[in-house]
């Protein structure tokens, strides 16, 4: 096991990124924290069993409040549930990109 389990590899990130809803074109305020960094912040807090407000800003994952809000939005959008249902834990169970090019689209569900 990695000594830094909050580091998300490129392969896993590629799967997760497909599940994320599109980012709004233009929103007021400062540039948002990148989704991958925010995910690292979420994993850091959960791994270390710490309060969100104690996430160190020097790690550059965004603030604890930002990470918590992003996690909450993703949970409400169903991203976390879809991620749990994805058979990506073992290489032999990864989706075949020829059959299911976009794991964010559930089989049998056609976007309108």
N, C-alpha and C. Protein backbone atom coordinates (compact mmCIF):
# COMPACT_ATOMS: atom_id res chain seq x y z
N UNK A 1 0.84 -1.18 0.00
CA UNK A 1 0.00 0.00 0.00
C UNK A 1 0.88 1.24 0.00
N UNK A 2 0.46 2.23 -0.72
CA UNK A 2 1.21 3.47 -0.82
C UNK A 2 1.26 4.17 0.53
N UNK A 3 2.35 4.88 0.77
CA UNK A 3 2.42 5.66 2.00
C UNK A 3 1.62 6.94 1.87
N UNK A 4 1.18 7.26 0.64
CA UNK A 4 0.34 8.43 0.40
C UNK A 4 -0.88 8.00 -0.42
N UNK A 5 -1.85 7.35 0.22
CA UNK A 5 -3.00 6.82 -0.52
C UNK A 5 -3.92 7.89 -1.10
N UNK A 6 -3.69 9.14 -0.81
CA UNK A 6 -4.50 10.20 -1.38
C UNK A 6 -3.99 10.61 -2.77
N UNK A 7 -2.86 10.05 -3.19
CA UNK A 7 -2.35 10.31 -4.53
C UNK A 7 -3.12 9.42 -5.51
N UNK A 8 -3.76 10.04 -6.50
CA UNK A 8 -4.59 9.33 -7.46
C UNK A 8 -3.80 9.14 -8.74
N UNK A 9 -3.59 7.89 -9.13
CA UNK A 9 -2.85 7.57 -10.36
C UNK A 9 -3.60 8.00 -11.61
N UNK A 10 -2.88 8.08 -12.71
CA UNK A 10 -3.47 8.53 -13.97
C UNK A 10 -4.59 7.61 -14.45
N UNK A 11 -4.42 6.30 -14.31
CA UNK A 11 -5.44 5.37 -14.76
C UNK A 11 -6.74 5.51 -13.99
N UNK A 12 -6.63 5.58 -12.67
CA UNK A 12 -7.82 5.74 -11.84
C UNK A 12 -8.46 7.10 -12.11
N UNK A 13 -7.64 8.14 -12.23
CA UNK A 13 -8.18 9.47 -12.48
C UNK A 13 -8.94 9.51 -13.80
N UNK A 14 -8.44 8.82 -14.82
CA UNK A 14 -9.13 8.80 -16.11
C UNK A 14 -10.55 8.23 -15.96
N UNK A 15 -10.71 7.21 -15.13
CA UNK A 15 -12.04 6.64 -14.89
C UNK A 15 -12.93 7.60 -14.10
N UNK A 16 -12.36 8.19 -13.07
CA UNK A 16 -13.13 9.11 -12.22
C UNK A 16 -13.55 10.34 -13.01
N UNK A 17 -12.64 10.87 -13.80
CA UNK A 17 -12.91 12.10 -14.55
C UNK A 17 -14.11 11.95 -15.49
N UNK A 18 -14.30 10.74 -16.04
CA UNK A 18 -15.44 10.50 -16.92
C UNK A 18 -16.78 10.61 -16.19
N UNK A 19 -16.76 10.40 -14.89
CA UNK A 19 -18.00 10.43 -14.11
C UNK A 19 -18.39 11.82 -13.65
N UNK A 20 -17.45 12.76 -13.70
CA UNK A 20 -17.71 14.10 -13.17
C UNK A 20 -18.61 14.90 -14.10
N UNK A 21 -19.55 15.64 -13.52
CA UNK A 21 -20.40 16.49 -14.36
C UNK A 21 -19.55 17.61 -14.97
N UNK A 22 -19.98 18.13 -16.12
CA UNK A 22 -19.20 19.21 -16.74
C UNK A 22 -19.15 20.44 -15.85
N UNK A 23 -18.05 21.12 -15.94
CA UNK A 23 -17.87 22.34 -15.16
C UNK A 23 -18.60 23.49 -15.86
N UNK A 24 -19.22 24.39 -15.11
CA UNK A 24 -19.90 25.53 -15.75
C UNK A 24 -18.90 26.35 -16.57
N UNK A 25 -19.39 26.89 -17.68
CA UNK A 25 -18.53 27.69 -18.56
C UNK A 25 -17.85 28.83 -17.82
N UNK A 26 -18.63 29.65 -17.17
CA UNK A 26 -18.09 30.82 -16.49
C UNK A 26 -18.86 31.00 -15.19
N UNK A 27 -18.14 31.10 -14.11
CA UNK A 27 -18.80 31.35 -12.84
C UNK A 27 -18.06 32.48 -12.14
N UNK A 28 -18.79 33.24 -11.32
CA UNK A 28 -18.13 34.35 -10.64
C UNK A 28 -17.13 33.85 -9.59
N UNK A 29 -16.22 34.70 -9.24
CA UNK A 29 -15.26 34.36 -8.20
C UNK A 29 -13.94 33.87 -8.76
N UNK A 30 -13.07 33.44 -7.86
CA UNK A 30 -11.74 32.98 -8.28
C UNK A 30 -11.80 31.65 -9.03
N UNK A 31 -10.73 31.34 -9.72
CA UNK A 31 -10.62 30.07 -10.45
C UNK A 31 -10.78 28.92 -9.46
N UNK A 32 -11.68 27.95 -9.75
CA UNK A 32 -11.88 26.84 -8.81
C UNK A 32 -10.65 25.92 -8.76
N UNK A 33 -10.54 25.23 -7.64
CA UNK A 33 -9.47 24.24 -7.47
C UNK A 33 -9.72 23.10 -8.45
N UNK A 34 -8.66 22.62 -9.07
CA UNK A 34 -8.79 21.50 -10.02
C UNK A 34 -9.42 20.30 -9.33
N UNK A 35 -10.27 19.59 -10.06
CA UNK A 35 -10.99 18.44 -9.50
C UNK A 35 -10.04 17.39 -8.94
N UNK A 36 -8.95 17.13 -9.63
CA UNK A 36 -8.01 16.10 -9.18
C UNK A 36 -7.36 16.49 -7.86
N UNK A 37 -6.98 17.76 -7.71
CA UNK A 37 -6.39 18.22 -6.45
C UNK A 37 -7.42 18.15 -5.32
N UNK A 38 -8.64 18.54 -5.64
CA UNK A 38 -9.70 18.51 -4.64
C UNK A 38 -9.96 17.07 -4.19
N UNK A 39 -9.95 16.13 -5.12
CA UNK A 39 -10.11 14.72 -4.75
C UNK A 39 -8.99 14.28 -3.83
N UNK A 40 -7.78 14.72 -4.09
CA UNK A 40 -6.66 14.38 -3.21
C UNK A 40 -6.90 14.94 -1.81
N UNK A 41 -7.46 16.15 -1.73
CA UNK A 41 -7.78 16.73 -0.43
C UNK A 41 -8.83 15.92 0.31
N UNK A 42 -9.86 15.48 -0.43
CA UNK A 42 -10.91 14.66 0.16
C UNK A 42 -10.32 13.35 0.70
N UNK A 43 -9.51 12.69 -0.11
CA UNK A 43 -8.89 11.44 0.32
C UNK A 43 -7.94 11.64 1.48
N UNK A 44 -7.23 12.76 1.50
CA UNK A 44 -6.31 13.07 2.60
C UNK A 44 -7.07 13.19 3.92
N UNK A 45 -8.17 13.95 3.89
CA UNK A 45 -8.98 14.14 5.10
C UNK A 45 -9.56 12.81 5.58
N UNK A 46 -10.11 12.04 4.66
CA UNK A 46 -10.72 10.76 5.03
C UNK A 46 -9.67 9.77 5.54
N UNK A 47 -8.52 9.71 4.87
CA UNK A 47 -7.47 8.79 5.29
C UNK A 47 -6.94 9.13 6.68
N UNK A 48 -6.78 10.41 6.95
CA UNK A 48 -6.23 10.84 8.23
C UNK A 48 -7.28 11.04 9.31
N UNK A 49 -8.57 10.77 8.97
CA UNK A 49 -9.67 10.88 9.93
C UNK A 49 -9.61 12.20 10.69
N UNK A 50 -9.57 13.28 9.92
CA UNK A 50 -9.44 14.60 10.51
C UNK A 50 -10.63 15.48 10.14
N UNK A 51 -10.78 16.56 10.85
CA UNK A 51 -11.85 17.52 10.55
C UNK A 51 -11.51 18.26 9.26
N UNK A 52 -12.53 18.58 8.47
CA UNK A 52 -12.31 19.25 7.19
C UNK A 52 -11.54 20.55 7.36
N UNK A 53 -11.85 21.31 8.40
CA UNK A 53 -11.20 22.61 8.58
C UNK A 53 -9.72 22.49 8.93
N UNK A 54 -9.25 21.29 9.24
CA UNK A 54 -7.83 21.08 9.57
C UNK A 54 -6.98 20.67 8.37
N UNK A 55 -7.58 20.60 7.17
CA UNK A 55 -6.80 20.27 5.97
C UNK A 55 -5.77 21.38 5.75
N UNK A 56 -4.47 21.04 5.76
CA UNK A 56 -3.44 22.07 5.62
C UNK A 56 -3.48 22.74 4.24
N UNK A 57 -3.57 24.05 4.21
CA UNK A 57 -3.60 24.79 2.95
C UNK A 57 -2.30 24.65 2.16
N UNK A 58 -1.20 24.42 2.86
CA UNK A 58 0.09 24.30 2.18
C UNK A 58 0.18 23.06 1.28
N UNK A 59 -0.74 22.11 1.44
CA UNK A 59 -0.77 20.95 0.55
C UNK A 59 -1.35 21.31 -0.82
N UNK A 60 -1.99 22.46 -0.90
CA UNK A 60 -2.56 23.00 -2.15
C UNK A 60 -3.66 22.13 -2.74
N UNK A 61 -4.44 21.48 -1.86
CA UNK A 61 -5.60 20.71 -2.30
C UNK A 61 -6.86 21.56 -2.26
N UNK A 62 -6.74 22.79 -1.86
CA UNK A 62 -7.90 23.64 -1.61
C UNK A 62 -8.20 23.61 -0.13
N UNK A 63 -9.13 24.43 0.28
CA UNK A 63 -9.49 24.45 1.70
C UNK A 63 -10.34 23.23 2.03
N UNK A 64 -10.42 22.92 3.30
CA UNK A 64 -11.27 21.82 3.74
C UNK A 64 -12.72 22.04 3.35
N UNK A 65 -13.16 23.29 3.45
CA UNK A 65 -14.54 23.61 3.09
C UNK A 65 -14.78 23.39 1.59
N UNK A 66 -13.82 23.77 0.77
CA UNK A 66 -13.94 23.54 -0.67
C UNK A 66 -14.03 22.05 -0.97
N UNK A 67 -13.16 21.27 -0.36
CA UNK A 67 -13.16 19.82 -0.59
C UNK A 67 -14.46 19.20 -0.11
N UNK A 68 -14.94 19.62 1.04
CA UNK A 68 -16.19 19.08 1.57
C UNK A 68 -17.36 19.41 0.64
N UNK A 69 -17.42 20.67 0.17
CA UNK A 69 -18.51 21.06 -0.73
C UNK A 69 -18.46 20.26 -2.03
N UNK A 70 -17.25 20.06 -2.56
CA UNK A 70 -17.10 19.31 -3.80
C UNK A 70 -17.56 17.86 -3.59
N UNK A 71 -17.19 17.26 -2.47
CA UNK A 71 -17.62 15.90 -2.16
C UNK A 71 -19.14 15.85 -2.05
N UNK A 72 -19.72 16.81 -1.36
CA UNK A 72 -21.17 16.85 -1.18
C UNK A 72 -21.89 16.97 -2.53
N UNK A 73 -21.40 17.85 -3.40
CA UNK A 73 -22.00 18.01 -4.73
C UNK A 73 -21.89 16.72 -5.54
N UNK A 74 -20.73 16.08 -5.46
CA UNK A 74 -20.53 14.85 -6.23
C UNK A 74 -21.43 13.73 -5.70
N UNK A 75 -21.61 13.68 -4.38
CA UNK A 75 -22.50 12.66 -3.82
C UNK A 75 -23.94 12.91 -4.27
N UNK A 76 -24.38 14.15 -4.22
CA UNK A 76 -25.74 14.48 -4.63
C UNK A 76 -25.97 14.24 -6.11
N UNK A 77 -24.93 14.39 -6.92
CA UNK A 77 -25.04 14.15 -8.37
C UNK A 77 -24.95 12.67 -8.72
N UNK A 78 -24.69 11.81 -7.73
CA UNK A 78 -24.63 10.37 -7.96
C UNK A 78 -23.26 9.88 -8.42
N UNK A 79 -22.27 10.74 -8.43
CA UNK A 79 -20.93 10.35 -8.90
C UNK A 79 -20.33 9.27 -8.00
N UNK A 80 -20.46 9.44 -6.71
CA UNK A 80 -19.86 8.48 -5.77
C UNK A 80 -20.52 7.11 -5.92
N UNK A 81 -21.84 7.07 -6.08
CA UNK A 81 -22.53 5.79 -6.27
C UNK A 81 -22.08 5.11 -7.57
N UNK A 82 -21.99 5.88 -8.66
CA UNK A 82 -21.54 5.30 -9.93
C UNK A 82 -20.10 4.81 -9.83
N UNK A 83 -19.28 5.53 -9.10
CA UNK A 83 -17.88 5.12 -8.93
C UNK A 83 -17.82 3.79 -8.18
N UNK A 84 -18.64 3.64 -7.15
CA UNK A 84 -18.66 2.39 -6.39
C UNK A 84 -19.16 1.21 -7.22
N UNK A 85 -20.02 1.48 -8.19
CA UNK A 85 -20.56 0.41 -9.03
C UNK A 85 -19.62 0.03 -10.17
N UNK A 86 -18.63 0.85 -10.45
CA UNK A 86 -17.72 0.56 -11.56
C UNK A 86 -16.82 -0.61 -11.20
N UNK A 87 -16.73 -1.60 -12.07
CA UNK A 87 -15.86 -2.75 -11.80
C UNK A 87 -14.42 -2.45 -12.19
N UNK A 88 -13.81 -1.47 -11.56
CA UNK A 88 -12.45 -1.07 -11.92
C UNK A 88 -11.43 -1.45 -10.86
N UNK A 89 -11.84 -2.16 -9.85
CA UNK A 89 -10.92 -2.49 -8.77
C UNK A 89 -9.82 -3.43 -9.25
N UNK A 90 -10.17 -4.37 -10.12
CA UNK A 90 -9.19 -5.32 -10.64
C UNK A 90 -9.11 -5.15 -12.15
N UNK A 91 -7.90 -5.22 -12.72
CA UNK A 91 -7.75 -5.03 -14.17
C UNK A 91 -8.65 -5.94 -14.99
N UNK A 92 -8.88 -7.16 -14.55
CA UNK A 92 -9.71 -8.09 -15.32
C UNK A 92 -11.17 -7.66 -15.35
N UNK A 93 -11.58 -6.77 -14.44
CA UNK A 93 -12.97 -6.34 -14.37
C UNK A 93 -13.19 -4.95 -14.94
N UNK A 94 -12.16 -4.33 -15.47
CA UNK A 94 -12.33 -2.98 -16.02
C UNK A 94 -13.24 -3.03 -17.24
N UNK A 95 -14.02 -1.96 -17.43
CA UNK A 95 -14.92 -1.95 -18.59
C UNK A 95 -14.14 -1.99 -19.89
N UNK A 96 -14.69 -2.70 -20.86
CA UNK A 96 -14.10 -2.75 -22.19
C UNK A 96 -14.47 -1.46 -22.92
N UNK A 97 -13.48 -0.62 -23.28
CA UNK A 97 -13.80 0.66 -23.92
C UNK A 97 -14.51 0.50 -25.26
N UNK A 98 -14.39 -0.66 -25.90
CA UNK A 98 -15.10 -0.89 -27.16
C UNK A 98 -16.59 -1.10 -26.92
N UNK A 99 -16.92 -1.74 -25.81
CA UNK A 99 -18.33 -2.00 -25.50
C UNK A 99 -18.97 -0.85 -24.75
N UNK A 100 -18.24 -0.24 -23.82
CA UNK A 100 -18.76 0.86 -23.00
C UNK A 100 -17.74 1.98 -23.01
N UNK A 101 -17.73 2.81 -24.06
CA UNK A 101 -16.71 3.86 -24.15
C UNK A 101 -16.82 4.92 -23.06
N UNK A 102 -17.98 5.08 -22.45
CA UNK A 102 -18.14 6.09 -21.42
C UNK A 102 -18.80 5.46 -20.20
N UNK A 103 -18.02 5.12 -19.14
CA UNK A 103 -18.61 4.48 -17.97
C UNK A 103 -19.59 5.37 -17.22
N UNK A 104 -19.63 6.68 -17.55
CA UNK A 104 -20.58 7.56 -16.88
C UNK A 104 -21.99 7.29 -17.36
N UNK A 105 -22.12 6.70 -18.55
CA UNK A 105 -23.43 6.36 -19.08
C UNK A 105 -23.73 4.92 -18.72
N UNK A 106 -24.76 4.73 -17.95
CA UNK A 106 -25.10 3.39 -17.49
C UNK A 106 -25.67 2.58 -18.64
N UNK A 107 -25.35 1.29 -18.72
CA UNK A 107 -25.93 0.45 -19.76
C UNK A 107 -27.45 0.48 -19.71
N UNK A 108 -28.07 0.59 -20.88
CA UNK A 108 -29.52 0.62 -20.94
C UNK A 108 -30.12 1.99 -20.75
N UNK A 109 -29.30 2.97 -20.36
CA UNK A 109 -29.80 4.33 -20.17
C UNK A 109 -29.23 5.17 -21.30
N UNK A 110 -30.13 5.75 -22.06
CA UNK A 110 -29.70 6.54 -23.22
C UNK A 110 -29.95 8.02 -22.94
N UNK A 111 -28.89 8.85 -23.02
CA UNK A 111 -29.09 10.28 -22.78
C UNK A 111 -30.00 10.88 -23.85
N UNK A 112 -30.82 11.82 -23.44
CA UNK A 112 -31.73 12.47 -24.39
C UNK A 112 -31.27 13.86 -24.71
